[in-house]
PDB file of N, CA and C in Angstrom:
ATOM      1  N   MET A   1      26.885 -43.230  71.316  1.00  0.00           N
ATOM      2  CA  MET A   1      26.082 -43.656  71.577  1.00  0.00           C
ATOM      3  C   MET A   1      25.268 -42.698  73.060  1.00  0.00           C
ATOM      4  N   THR A   2      23.798 -42.166  72.636  1.00  0.00           N
ATOM      5  CA  THR A   2      23.476 -40.933  73.817  1.00  0.00           C
ATOM      6  C   THR A   2      22.121 -41.985  74.432  1.00  0.00           C
ATOM      7  N   THR A   3      22.122 -41.164  75.882  1.00  0.00           N
ATOM      8  CA  THR A   3      21.456 -42.380  76.940  1.00  0.00           C
ATOM      9  C   THR A   3      20.278 -40.567  76.803  1.00  0.00           C
ATOM     10  N   ALA A   4      19.074 -41.592  76.742  1.00  0.00           N
ATOM     11  CA  ALA A   4      17.901 -40.526  76.741  1.00  0.00           C
ATOM     12  C   ALA A   4      17.625 -40.150  77.810  1.00  0.00           C
ATOM     13  N   LEU A   5      17.626 -38.738  78.087  1.00  0.00           N
ATOM     14  CA  LEU A   5      17.374 -38.039  79.569  1.00  0.00           C
ATOM     15  C   LEU A   5      15.771 -37.995  79.774  1.00  0.00           C
ATOM     16  N   ILE A   6      14.653 -38.780  79.291  1.00  0.00           N
ATOM     17  CA  ILE A   6      13.500 -38.437  79.098  1.00  0.00           C
ATOM     18  C   ILE A   6      12.666 -39.546  79.650  1.00  0.00           C
ATOM     19  N   ASP A   7      11.725 -39.869  80.431  1.00  0.00           N
ATOM     20  CA  ASP A   7      11.244 -40.949  80.929  1.00  0.00           C
ATOM     21  C   ASP A   7      10.107 -40.327  80.943  1.00  0.00           C
ATOM     22  N   LEU A   8       8.785 -41.517  79.947  1.00  0.00           N
ATOM     23  CA  LEU A   8       7.447 -41.395  80.019  1.00  0.00           C
ATOM     24  C   LEU A   8       6.690 -42.544  80.477  1.00  0.00           C
ATOM     25  N   ARG A   9       5.768 -42.269  81.724  1.00  0.00           N
ATOM     26  CA  ARG A   9       5.444 -43.908  82.112  1.00  0.00           C
ATOM     27  C   ARG A   9       3.722 -43.172  82.680  1.00  0.00           C
ATOM     28  N   THR A  10       3.048 -44.442  82.527  1.00  0.00           N
ATOM     29  CA  THR A  10       1.728 -44.294  82.851  1.00  0.00           C
ATOM     30  C   THR A  10       1.738 -44.415  84.560  1.00  0.00           C
ATOM     31  N   VAL A  11       0.796 -43.554  84.889  1.00  0.00           N
ATOM     32  CA  VAL A  11       0.639 -43.061  86.371  1.00  0.00           C
ATOM     33  C   VAL A  11      -0.619 -43.989  86.710  1.00  0.00           C
ATOM     34  N   ALA A  12      -1.445 -43.416  85.937  1.00  0.00           N
ATOM     35  CA  ALA A  12      -3.087 -43.829  86.095  1.00  0.00           C
ATOM     36  C   ALA A  12      -4.238 -44.108  85.337  1.00  0.00           C
ATOM     37  N   HIS A  13      -5.068 -44.838  84.762  1.00  0.00           N
ATOM     38  CA  HIS A  13      -5.795 -44.920  84.151  1.00  0.00           C
ATOM     39  C   HIS A  13      -7.593 -44.826  84.664  1.00  0.00           C
ATOM     40  N   ASP A  14      -8.261 -44.238  84.484  1.00  0.00           N
ATOM     41  CA  ASP A  14      -9.664 -44.063  85.003  1.00  0.00           C
ATOM     42  C   ASP A  14     -10.387 -43.922  84.302  1.00  0.00           C
ATOM     43  N   ASP A  15     -11.633 -43.518  84.367  1.00  0.00           N
ATOM     44  CA  ASP A  15     -12.842 -43.150  84.084  1.00  0.00           C
ATOM     45  C   ASP A  15     -12.745 -41.279  83.220  1.00  0.00           C
ATOM     46  N   HIS A  16     -11.930 -41.037  84.320  1.00  0.00           N
ATOM     47  CA  HIS A  16     -11.641 -39.295  84.330  1.00  0.00           C
ATOM     48  C   HIS A  16     -10.665 -39.353  83.309  1.00  0.00           C
ATOM     49  N   GLY A  17      -9.597 -40.289  82.700  1.00  0.00           N
ATOM     50  CA  GLY A  17      -8.647 -40.051  81.779  1.00  0.00           C
ATOM     51  C   GLY A  17      -7.009 -40.762  82.063  1.00  0.00           C
ATOM     52  N   LEU A  18      -6.354 -40.091  81.445  1.00  0.00           N
ATOM     53  CA  LEU A  18      -5.161 -40.747  81.579  1.00  0.00           C
ATOM     54  C   LEU A  18      -4.381 -39.784  82.043  1.00  0.00           C
ATOM     55  N   ARG A  19      -3.099 -40.651  83.072  1.00  0.00           N
ATOM     56  CA  ARG A  19      -2.436 -39.733  83.710  1.00  0.00           C
ATOM     57  C   ARG A  19      -1.027 -40.305  83.695  1.00  0.00           C
ATOM     58  N   VAL A  20      -0.205 -39.423  82.418  1.00  0.00           N
ATOM     59  CA  VAL A  20       1.413 -39.994  82.266  1.00  0.00           C
ATOM     60  C   VAL A  20       2.365 -38.715  82.947  1.00  0.00           C
ATOM     61  N   ALA A  21       3.484 -39.578  83.255  1.00  0.00           N
ATOM     62  CA  ALA A  21       4.363 -38.486  84.185  1.00  0.00           C
ATOM     63  C   ALA A  21       5.702 -38.633  83.291  1.00  0.00           C
ATOM     64  N   LEU A  22       6.343 -37.237  82.718  1.00  0.00           N
ATOM     65  CA  LEU A  22       7.298 -37.044  82.225  1.00  0.00           C
ATOM     66  C   LEU A  22       8.830 -36.758  83.161  1.00  0.00           C
ATOM     67  N   ALA A  23       9.504 -37.324  83.244  1.00  0.00           N
ATOM     68  CA  ALA A  23      10.985 -37.090  84.155  1.00  0.00           C
ATOM     69  C   ALA A  23      11.672 -36.819  83.423  1.00  0.00           C
ATOM     70  N   GLY A  24      12.447 -36.047  83.790  1.00  0.00           N
ATOM     71  CA  GLY A  24      14.197 -36.208  82.848  1.00  0.00           C
ATOM     72  C   GLY A  24      13.870 -34.457  82.360  1.00  0.00           C
ATOM     73  N   GLU A  25      14.530 -34.658  81.368  1.00  0.00           N
ATOM     74  CA  GLU A  25      15.139 -33.166  80.491  1.00  0.00           C
ATOM     75  C   GLU A  25      14.118 -33.348  79.052  1.00  0.00           C
ATOM     76  N   LEU A  26      13.127 -32.491  78.921  1.00  0.00           N
ATOM     77  CA  LEU A  26      12.731 -32.224  77.668  1.00  0.00           C
ATOM     78  C   LEU A  26      13.245 -31.182  77.056  1.00  0.00           C
ATOM     79  N   ASP A  27      13.818 -31.667  75.703  1.00  0.00           N
ATOM     80  CA  ASP A  27      14.475 -30.332  74.681  1.00  0.00           C
ATOM     81  C   ASP A  27      14.500 -31.067  73.619  1.00  0.00           C
ATOM     82  N   PHE A  28      14.842 -30.472  72.567  1.00  0.00           N
ATOM     83  CA  PHE A  28      15.096 -30.672  71.080  1.00  0.00           C
ATOM     84  C   PHE A  28      15.461 -32.174  70.829  1.00  0.00           C
ATOM     85  N   HIS A  29      16.402 -32.801  71.098  1.00  0.00           N
ATOM     86  CA  HIS A  29      16.224 -34.150  70.921  1.00  0.00           C
ATOM     87  C   HIS A  29      15.311 -35.223  71.538  1.00  0.00           C
ATOM     88  N   THR A  30      15.276 -34.720  72.918  1.00  0.00           N
ATOM     89  CA  THR A  30      13.957 -35.911  73.687  1.00  0.00           C
ATOM     90  C   THR A  30      12.521 -35.516  73.489  1.00  0.00           C
ATOM     91  N   ALA A  31      12.348 -34.511  72.719  1.00  0.00           N
ATOM     92  CA  ALA A  31      11.170 -34.189  72.670  1.00  0.00           C
ATOM     93  C   ALA A  31      10.743 -35.035  71.510  1.00  0.00           C
ATOM     94  N   GLY A  32      11.484 -35.505  70.525  1.00  0.00           N
ATOM     95  CA  GLY A  32      11.111 -36.046  69.220  1.00  0.00           C
ATOM     96  C   GLY A  32      11.196 -37.665  69.830  1.00  0.00           C
ATOM     97  N   LEU A  33      11.828 -37.615  70.689  1.00  0.00           N
ATOM     98  CA  LEU A  33      11.813 -39.431  71.651  1.00  0.00           C
ATOM     99  C   LEU A  33      10.200 -39.593  71.943  1.00  0.00           C
ATOM    100  N   VAL A  34       9.589 -38.616  72.353  1.00  0.00           N
ATOM    101  CA  VAL A  34       8.329 -39.115  73.639  1.00  0.00           C
ATOM    102  C   VAL A  34       7.196 -38.733  72.748  1.00  0.00           C
ATOM    103  N   ARG A  35       7.678 -37.679  71.732  1.00  0.00           N
ATOM    104  CA  ARG A  35       6.442 -37.111  70.657  1.00  0.00           C
ATOM    105  C   ARG A  35       5.304 -37.991  70.261  1.00  0.00           C
ATOM    106  N   PRO A  36       5.734 -39.022  69.610  1.00  0.00           N
ATOM    107  CA  PRO A  36       4.955 -40.514  68.835  1.00  0.00           C
ATOM    108  C   PRO A  36       4.160 -41.088  70.051  1.00  0.00           C
ATOM    109  N   ARG A  37       4.331 -41.193  70.711  1.00  0.00           N
ATOM    110  CA  ARG A  37       3.733 -41.911  71.901  1.00  0.00           C
ATOM    111  C   ARG A  37       2.835 -40.739  72.379  1.00  0.00           C
ATOM    112  N   LEU A  38       3.113 -39.630  72.971  1.00  0.00           N
ATOM    113  CA  LEU A  38       2.102 -38.649  73.361  1.00  0.00           C
ATOM    114  C   LEU A  38       0.887 -38.664  72.542  1.00  0.00           C
ATOM    115  N   CYS A  39       1.363 -38.543  71.421  1.00  0.00           N
ATOM    116  CA  CYS A  39       0.233 -38.056  70.215  1.00  0.00           C
ATOM    117  C   CYS A  39      -0.492 -38.980  70.122  1.00  0.00           C
ATOM    118  N   ALA A  40      -0.056 -40.371  70.060  1.00  0.00           N
ATOM    119  CA  ALA A  40      -0.929 -41.659  70.158  1.00  0.00           C
ATOM    120  C   ALA A  40      -2.042 -41.603  71.680  1.00  0.00           C
ATOM    121  N   LEU A  41      -1.595 -41.134  72.106  1.00  0.00           N
ATOM    122  CA  LEU A  41      -1.985 -40.967  73.889  1.00  0.00           C
ATOM    123  C   LEU A  41      -3.215 -39.803  73.659  1.00  0.00           C
ATOM    124  N   ALA A  42      -3.281 -38.922  72.924  1.00  0.00           N
ATOM    125  CA  ALA A  42      -3.799 -37.857  72.688  1.00  0.00           C
ATOM    126  C   ALA A  42      -4.795 -38.089  71.939  1.00  0.00           C
ATOM    127  N   GLU A  43      -5.095 -39.328  70.929  1.00  0.00           N
ATOM    128  CA  GLU A  43      -5.922 -39.283  69.955  1.00  0.00           C
ATOM    129  C   GLU A  43      -6.459 -40.841  70.549  1.00  0.00           C
ATOM    130  N   SER A  44      -6.476 -41.363  71.902  1.00  0.00           N
ATOM    131  CA  SER A  44      -7.012 -42.462  72.154  1.00  0.00           C
ATOM    132  C   SER A  44      -7.804 -42.944  73.015  1.00  0.00           C
ATOM    133  N   ASP A  45      -8.658 -41.858  72.809  1.00  0.00           N
ATOM    134  CA  ASP A  45     -10.312 -41.250  73.117  1.00  0.00           C
ATOM    135  C   ASP A  45     -10.539 -41.321  74.721  1.00  0.00           C
ATOM    136  N   HIS A  46      -9.840 -40.602  75.484  1.00  0.00           N
ATOM    137  CA  HIS A  46      -9.713 -40.593  76.862  1.00  0.00           C
ATOM    138  C   HIS A  46     -10.588 -38.837  77.206  1.00  0.00           C
ATOM    139  N   PRO A  47     -11.095 -38.958  77.844  1.00  0.00           N
ATOM    140  CA  PRO A  47     -11.902 -37.763  78.257  1.00  0.00           C
ATOM    141  C   PRO A  47     -10.501 -36.475  78.634  1.00  0.00           C
ATOM    142  N   ASN A  48      -9.669 -36.927  79.722  1.00  0.00           N
ATOM    143  CA  ASN A  48      -8.800 -36.162  79.743  1.00  0.00           C
ATOM    144  C   ASN A  48      -7.145 -36.750  79.803  1.00  0.00           C
ATOM    145  N   LEU A  49      -6.116 -36.304  79.417  1.00  0.00           N
ATOM    146  CA  LEU A  49      -4.658 -36.309  79.036  1.00  0.00           C
ATOM    147  C   LEU A  49      -4.056 -35.437  80.151  1.00  0.00           C
ATOM    148  N   VAL A  50      -3.556 -35.962  81.188  1.00  0.00           N
ATOM    149  CA  VAL A  50      -3.242 -35.208  81.955  1.00  0.00           C
ATOM    150  C   VAL A  50      -1.653 -35.468  82.344  1.00  0.00           C
ATOM    151  N   LEU A  51      -0.507 -34.552  82.054  1.00  0.00           N
ATOM    152  CA  LEU A  51       0.953 -35.011  82.078  1.00  0.00           C
ATOM    153  C   LEU A  51       1.652 -34.149  83.250  1.00  0.00           C
ATOM    154  N   ASP A  52       1.835 -35.330  84.184  1.00  0.00           N
ATOM    155  CA  ASP A  52       2.464 -34.478  85.449  1.00  0.00           C
ATOM    156  C   ASP A  52       3.700 -34.277  84.885  1.00  0.00           C
ATOM    157  N   LEU A  53       4.446 -33.138  85.339  1.00  0.00           N
ATOM    158  CA  LEU A  53       5.580 -32.475  85.054  1.00  0.00           C
ATOM    159  C   LEU A  53       6.381 -32.278  86.265  1.00  0.00           C
ATOM    160  N   GLY A  54       5.717 -33.309  87.435  1.00  0.00           N
ATOM    161  CA  GLY A  54       6.940 -32.900  88.465  1.00  0.00           C
ATOM    162  C   GLY A  54       8.177 -33.208  88.434  1.00  0.00           C
ATOM    163  N   ASP A  55       8.702 -34.500  87.920  1.00  0.00           N
ATOM    164  CA  ASP A  55      10.177 -34.409  88.042  1.00  0.00           C
ATOM    165  C   ASP A  55      10.485 -34.149  86.466  1.00  0.00           C
ATOM    166  N   LEU A  56      10.135 -33.108  85.925  1.00  0.00           N
ATOM    167  CA  LEU A  56      10.242 -32.821  84.835  1.00  0.00           C
ATOM    168  C   LEU A  56      11.966 -31.677  85.326  1.00  0.00           C
ATOM    169  N   SER A  57      13.607 -32.313  84.877  1.00  0.00           N
ATOM    170  CA  SER A  57      14.259 -31.222  85.581  1.00  0.00           C
ATOM    171  C   SER A  57      14.564 -30.193  84.406  1.00  0.00           C
ATOM    172  N   PHE A  58      14.326 -29.965  83.393  1.00  0.00           N
ATOM    173  CA  PHE A  58      14.526 -28.894  81.761  1.00  0.00           C
ATOM    174  C   PHE A  58      13.642 -29.026  81.114  1.00  0.00           C
ATOM    175  N   CYS A  59      13.185 -27.870  80.715  1.00  0.00           N
ATOM    176  CA  CYS A  59      12.192 -27.909  79.472  1.00  0.00           C
ATOM    177  C   CYS A  59      12.305 -26.529  78.672  1.00  0.00           C
ATOM    178  N   ASP A  60      12.950 -27.488  77.460  1.00  0.00           N
ATOM    179  CA  ASP A  60      13.326 -25.823  76.668  1.00  0.00           C
ATOM    180  C   ASP A  60      12.032 -25.415  75.391  1.00  0.00           C
ATOM    181  N   SER A  61      12.332 -24.715  74.535  1.00  0.00           N
ATOM    182  CA  SER A  61      10.839 -23.965  73.697  1.00  0.00           C
ATOM    183  C   SER A  61      10.457 -25.301  72.814  1.00  0.00           C
ATOM    184  N   ALA A  62      11.557 -26.474  72.762  1.00  0.00           N
ATOM    185  CA  ALA A  62      11.142 -27.403  71.800  1.00  0.00           C
ATOM    186  C   ALA A  62      10.007 -28.377  72.937  1.00  0.00           C
ATOM    187  N   GLY A  63      10.109 -28.299  74.000  1.00  0.00           N
ATOM    188  CA  GLY A  63       9.405 -28.897  74.885  1.00  0.00           C
ATOM    189  C   GLY A  63       8.482 -28.388  75.046  1.00  0.00           C
ATOM    190  N   ILE A  64       8.400 -27.185  75.231  1.00  0.00           N
ATOM    191  CA  ILE A  64       6.830 -26.446  75.128  1.00  0.00           C
ATOM    192  C   ILE A  64       6.190 -26.364  74.141  1.00  0.00           C
ATOM    193  N   ASP A  65       6.846 -26.732  72.818  1.00  0.00           N
ATOM    194  CA  ASP A  65       6.047 -26.340  71.667  1.00  0.00           C
ATOM    195  C   ASP A  65       5.570 -27.701  71.323  1.00  0.00           C
ATOM    196  N   LEU A  66       6.024 -28.777  72.144  1.00  0.00           N
ATOM    197  CA  LEU A  66       5.520 -30.267  72.036  1.00  0.00           C
ATOM    198  C   LEU A  66       4.236 -29.893  72.990  1.00  0.00           C
ATOM    199  N   PHE A  67       4.251 -29.424  74.174  1.00  0.00           N
ATOM    200  CA  PHE A  67       2.972 -29.356  74.572  1.00  0.00           C
ATOM    201  C   PHE A  67       1.953 -28.398  74.023  1.00  0.00           C
ATOM    202  N   LEU A  68       1.777 -27.557  72.965  1.00  0.00           N
ATOM    203  CA  LEU A  68       1.037 -26.774  71.987  1.00  0.00           C
ATOM    204  C   LEU A  68       0.941 -27.732  70.774  1.00  0.00           C
ATOM    205  N   SER A  69       1.136 -28.540  70.251  1.00  0.00           N
ATOM    206  CA  SER A  69       1.168 -29.809  69.038  1.00  0.00           C
ATOM    207  C   SER A  69      -0.086 -30.425  69.942  1.00  0.00           C
ATOM    208  N   LEU A  70       0.583 -31.123  71.054  1.00  0.00           N
ATOM    209  CA  LEU A  70      -0.285 -32.171  72.156  1.00  0.00           C
ATOM    210  C   LEU A  70      -1.380 -31.554  72.034  1.00  0.00           C
ATOM    211  N   ASP A  71      -1.404 -30.451  72.624  1.00  0.00           N
ATOM    212  CA  ASP A  71      -2.913 -29.429  72.963  1.00  0.00           C
ATOM    213  C   ASP A  71      -3.695 -29.465  72.091  1.00  0.00           C
ATOM    214  N   CYS A  72      -3.203 -29.138  70.667  1.00  0.00           N
ATOM    215  CA  CYS A  72      -4.235 -29.094  69.348  1.00  0.00           C
ATOM    216  C   CYS A  72      -4.432 -30.596  69.178  1.00  0.00           C
ATOM    217  N   ARG A  73      -3.862 -31.366  69.103  1.00  0.00           N
ATOM    218  CA  ARG A  73      -3.839 -32.817  68.557  1.00  0.00           C
ATOM    219  C   ARG A  73      -5.559 -33.398  69.853  1.00  0.00           C
ATOM    220  N   CYS A  74      -5.292 -33.090  71.072  1.00  0.00           N
ATOM    221  CA  CYS A  74      -6.121 -33.028  71.941  1.00  0.00           C
ATOM    222  C   CYS A  74      -7.616 -32.142  71.618  1.00  0.00           C
ATOM    223  N   ARG A  75      -7.175 -31.648  71.696  1.00  0.00           N
ATOM    224  CA  ARG A  75      -8.684 -30.887  70.947  1.00  0.00           C
ATOM    225  C   ARG A  75      -9.251 -31.524  69.926  1.00  0.00           C
ATOM    226  N   VAL A  76      -8.771 -31.726  68.724  1.00  0.00           N
ATOM    227  CA  VAL A  76      -9.256 -32.421  67.748  1.00  0.00           C
ATOM    228  C   VAL A  76      -9.677 -33.580  68.282  1.00  0.00           C
ATOM    229  N   ALA A  77      -9.154 -34.368  69.199  1.00  0.00           N
ATOM    230  CA  ALA A  77      -9.495 -35.866  69.574  1.00  0.00           C
ATOM    231  C   ALA A  77     -10.904 -35.365  70.748  1.00  0.00           C
ATOM    232  N   GLY A  78     -11.220 -34.333  70.734  1.00  0.00           N
ATOM    233  CA  GLY A  78     -12.070 -34.286  72.174  1.00  0.00           C
ATOM    234  C   GLY A  78     -11.705 -34.664  73.473  1.00  0.00           C
ATOM    235  N   THR A  79     -10.216 -34.453  73.651  1.00  0.00           N
ATOM    236  CA  THR A  79      -9.642 -35.200  74.909  1.00  0.00           C
ATOM    237  C   THR A  79      -9.145 -33.471  75.399  1.00  0.00           C
ATOM    238  N   ARG A  80      -8.969 -33.298  76.295  1.00  0.00           N
ATOM    239  CA  ARG A  80      -8.407 -31.933  77.161  1.00  0.00           C
ATOM    240  C   ARG A  80      -7.425 -32.349  77.637  1.00  0.00           C
ATOM    241  N   LEU A  81      -6.380 -31.646  77.519  1.00  0.00           N
ATOM    242  CA  LEU A  81      -4.761 -31.798  77.932  1.00  0.00           C
ATOM    243  C   LEU A  81      -4.471 -31.085  79.337  1.00  0.00           C
ATOM    244  N   LEU A  82      -4.282 -31.845  80.132  1.00  0.00           N
ATOM    245  CA  LEU A  82      -3.830 -30.773  81.565  1.00  0.00           C
ATOM    246  C   LEU A  82      -2.561 -31.085  82.017  1.00  0.00           C
ATOM    247  N   LEU A  83      -1.993 -29.910  82.509  1.00  0.00           N
ATOM    248  CA  LEU A  83      -0.359 -30.156  82.826  1.00  0.00           C
ATOM    249  C   LEU A  83      -0.366 -29.807  84.209  1.00  0.00           C
ATOM    250  N   CYS A  84       0.175 -31.064  85.012  1.00  0.00           N
ATOM    251  CA  CYS A  84      -0.086 -30.613  86.431  1.00  0.00           C
ATOM    252  C   CYS A  84       1.367 -30.792  87.144  1.00  0.00           C
ATOM    253  N   ASP A  85       1.634 -30.244  88.633  1.00  0.00           N
ATOM    254  CA  ASP A  85       2.998 -30.070  88.810  1.00  0.00           C
ATOM    255  C   ASP A  85       4.055 -30.038  88.103  1.00  0.00           C
ATOM    256  N   VAL A  86       3.898 -28.492  87.760  1.00  0.00           N
ATOM    257  CA  VAL A  86       4.915 -27.928  86.899  1.00  0.00           C
ATOM    258  C   VAL A  86       5.738 -27.376  87.555  1.00  0.00           C
ATOM    259  N   PRO A  87       6.648 -27.916  87.469  1.00  0.00           N
ATOM    260  CA  PRO A  87       8.013 -26.989  87.913  1.00  0.00           C
ATOM    261  C   PRO A  87       7.860 -25.369  87.618  1.00  0.00           C
ATOM    262  N   PRO A  88       8.353 -24.525  88.408  1.00  0.00           N
ATOM    263  CA  PRO A  88       8.576 -23.110  88.567  1.00  0.00           C
ATOM    264  C   PRO A  88       8.792 -22.710  87.368  1.00  0.00           C
ATOM    265  N   LEU A  89      10.048 -23.028  86.941  1.00  0.00           N
ATOM    266  CA  LEU A  89      10.931 -22.514  85.901  1.00  0.00           C
ATOM    267  C   LEU A  89      10.325 -22.585  84.526  1.00  0.00           C
ATOM    268  N   VAL A  90       9.906 -23.879  84.434  1.00  0.00           N
ATOM    269  CA  VAL A  90       9.038 -24.688  83.170  1.00  0.00           C
ATOM    270  C   VAL A  90       7.915 -23.789  83.086  1.00  0.00           C
ATOM    271  N   ALA A  91       7.066 -23.722  83.989  1.00  0.00           N
ATOM    272  CA  ALA A  91       5.864 -22.589  84.311  1.00  0.00           C
ATOM    273  C   ALA A  91       5.928 -20.977  84.396  1.00  0.00           C
ATOM    274  N   ARG A  92       7.074 -20.545  84.477  1.00  0.00           N
ATOM    275  CA  ARG A  92       7.940 -19.374  84.041  1.00  0.00           C
ATOM    276  C   ARG A  92       8.096 -19.126  82.318  1.00  0.00           C
ATOM    277  N   SER A  93       8.672 -19.953  81.885  1.00  0.00           N
ATOM    278  CA  SER A  93       8.842 -20.230  80.374  1.00  0.00           C
ATOM    279  C   SER A  93       7.974 -20.027  79.410  1.00  0.00           C
ATOM    280  N   ILE A  94       6.434 -20.773  79.858  1.00  0.00           N
ATOM    281  CA  ILE A  94       5.208 -21.511  79.457  1.00  0.00           C
ATOM    282  C   ILE A  94       4.849 -19.750  79.012  1.00  0.00           C
ATOM    283  N   ARG A  95       5.066 -19.270  80.624  1.00  0.00           N
ATOM    284  CA  ARG A  95       4.353 -17.953  80.328  1.00  0.00           C
ATOM    285  C   ARG A  95       5.034 -16.804  79.952  1.00  0.00           C
ATOM    286  N   VAL A  96       6.294 -17.052  79.867  1.00  0.00           N
ATOM    287  CA  VAL A  96       7.241 -15.489  78.680  1.00  0.00           C
ATOM    288  C   VAL A  96       6.847 -16.256  77.452  1.00  0.00           C
ATOM    289  N   LEU A  97       6.725 -17.114  77.270  1.00  0.00           N
ATOM    290  CA  LEU A  97       6.428 -17.779  76.135  1.00  0.00           C
ATOM    291  C   LEU A  97       4.948 -17.277  75.381  1.00  0.00           C
ATOM    292  N   GLY A  98       3.958 -17.190  76.041  1.00  0.00           N
ATOM    293  CA  GLY A  98       2.736 -16.701  75.709  1.00  0.00           C
ATOM    294  C   GLY A  98       2.149 -18.067  75.658  1.00  0.00           C
ATOM    295  N   ALA A  99       2.759 -19.191  75.890  1.00  0.00           N
ATOM    296  CA  ALA A  99       1.960 -20.582  75.930  1.00  0.00           C
ATOM    297  C   ALA A  99       0.752 -20.666  76.857  1.00  0.00           C
ATOM    298  N   ASP A 100       0.958 -20.223  78.093  1.00  0.00           N
ATOM    299  CA  ASP A 100      -0.061 -20.130  78.797  1.00  0.00           C
ATOM    300  C   ASP A 100      -1.542 -19.538  78.323  1.00  0.00           C
ATOM    301  N   ARG A 101      -1.688 -19.110  77.265  1.00  0.00           N
ATOM    302  CA  ARG A 101      -3.076 -18.603  76.835  1.00  0.00           C
ATOM    303  C   ARG A 101      -3.783 -19.941  76.217  1.00  0.00           C
ATOM    304  N   ASP A 102      -2.624 -20.783  75.629  1.00  0.00           N
ATOM    305  CA  ASP A 102      -3.211 -22.353  75.471  1.00  0.00           C
ATOM    306  C   ASP A 102      -3.322 -23.262  76.109  1.00  0.00           C
ATOM    307  N   LEU A 103      -2.271 -23.384  77.255  1.00  0.00           N
ATOM    308  CA  LEU A 103      -2.235 -24.957  77.725  1.00  0.00           C
ATOM    309  C   LEU A 103      -2.619 -24.379  79.393  1.00  0.00           C
ATOM    310  N   LYS A 104      -3.271 -25.679  79.689  1.00  0.00           N
ATOM    311  CA  LYS A 104      -4.048 -25.451  80.837  1.00  0.00           C
ATOM    312  C   LYS A 104      -3.149 -25.859  82.021  1.00  0.00           C
ATOM    313  N   LEU A 105      -2.406 -25.289  83.140  1.00  0.00           N
ATOM    314  CA  LEU A 105      -1.953 -26.024  84.041  1.00  0.00           C
ATOM    315  C   LEU A 105      -2.793 -25.874  85.433  1.00  0.00           C
ATOM    316  N   VAL A 106      -2.332 -27.081  86.072  1.00  0.00           N
ATOM    317  CA  VAL A 106      -3.074 -26.838  87.357  1.00  0.00           C
ATOM    318  C   VAL A 106      -2.242 -28.033  88.154  1.00  0.00           C
ATOM    319  N   VAL A 107      -2.953 -27.109  89.633  1.00  0.00           N
ATOM    320  CA  VAL A 107      -2.191 -27.472  90.575  1.00  0.00           C
ATOM    321  C   VAL A 107      -3.086 -28.852  91.419  1.00  0.00           C
ATOM    322  N   SER A 108      -2.265 -30.091  91.794  1.00  0.00           N
ATOM    323  CA  SER A 108      -2.542 -30.990  91.852  1.00  0.00           C
ATOM    324  C   SER A 108      -2.343 -31.289  93.498  1.00  0.00           C
TER     325      SER A 108
END
């Protein structure tokens, strides 16, 4: 039995949208664990879905793919996906993969 190395929690919910925090390691295995909940949040009629990545210690291409597919779901639902407090190594990976063309990274 393995222990999940990812945590997803709601930080704030107001008229501007929903802010959730991801903490731990986001990889091939853990992305599948949080994908259903994030997809449900993307389709839950919020103006913005803000993912706080400040406590993310690792993110591979599966995690970045999750962000891209989540961004597509948000756009269809009329929600804007924002990634904030993106760790430097994760931001670099996003840029190297060219995902920064679609994903909105913000400084909080």
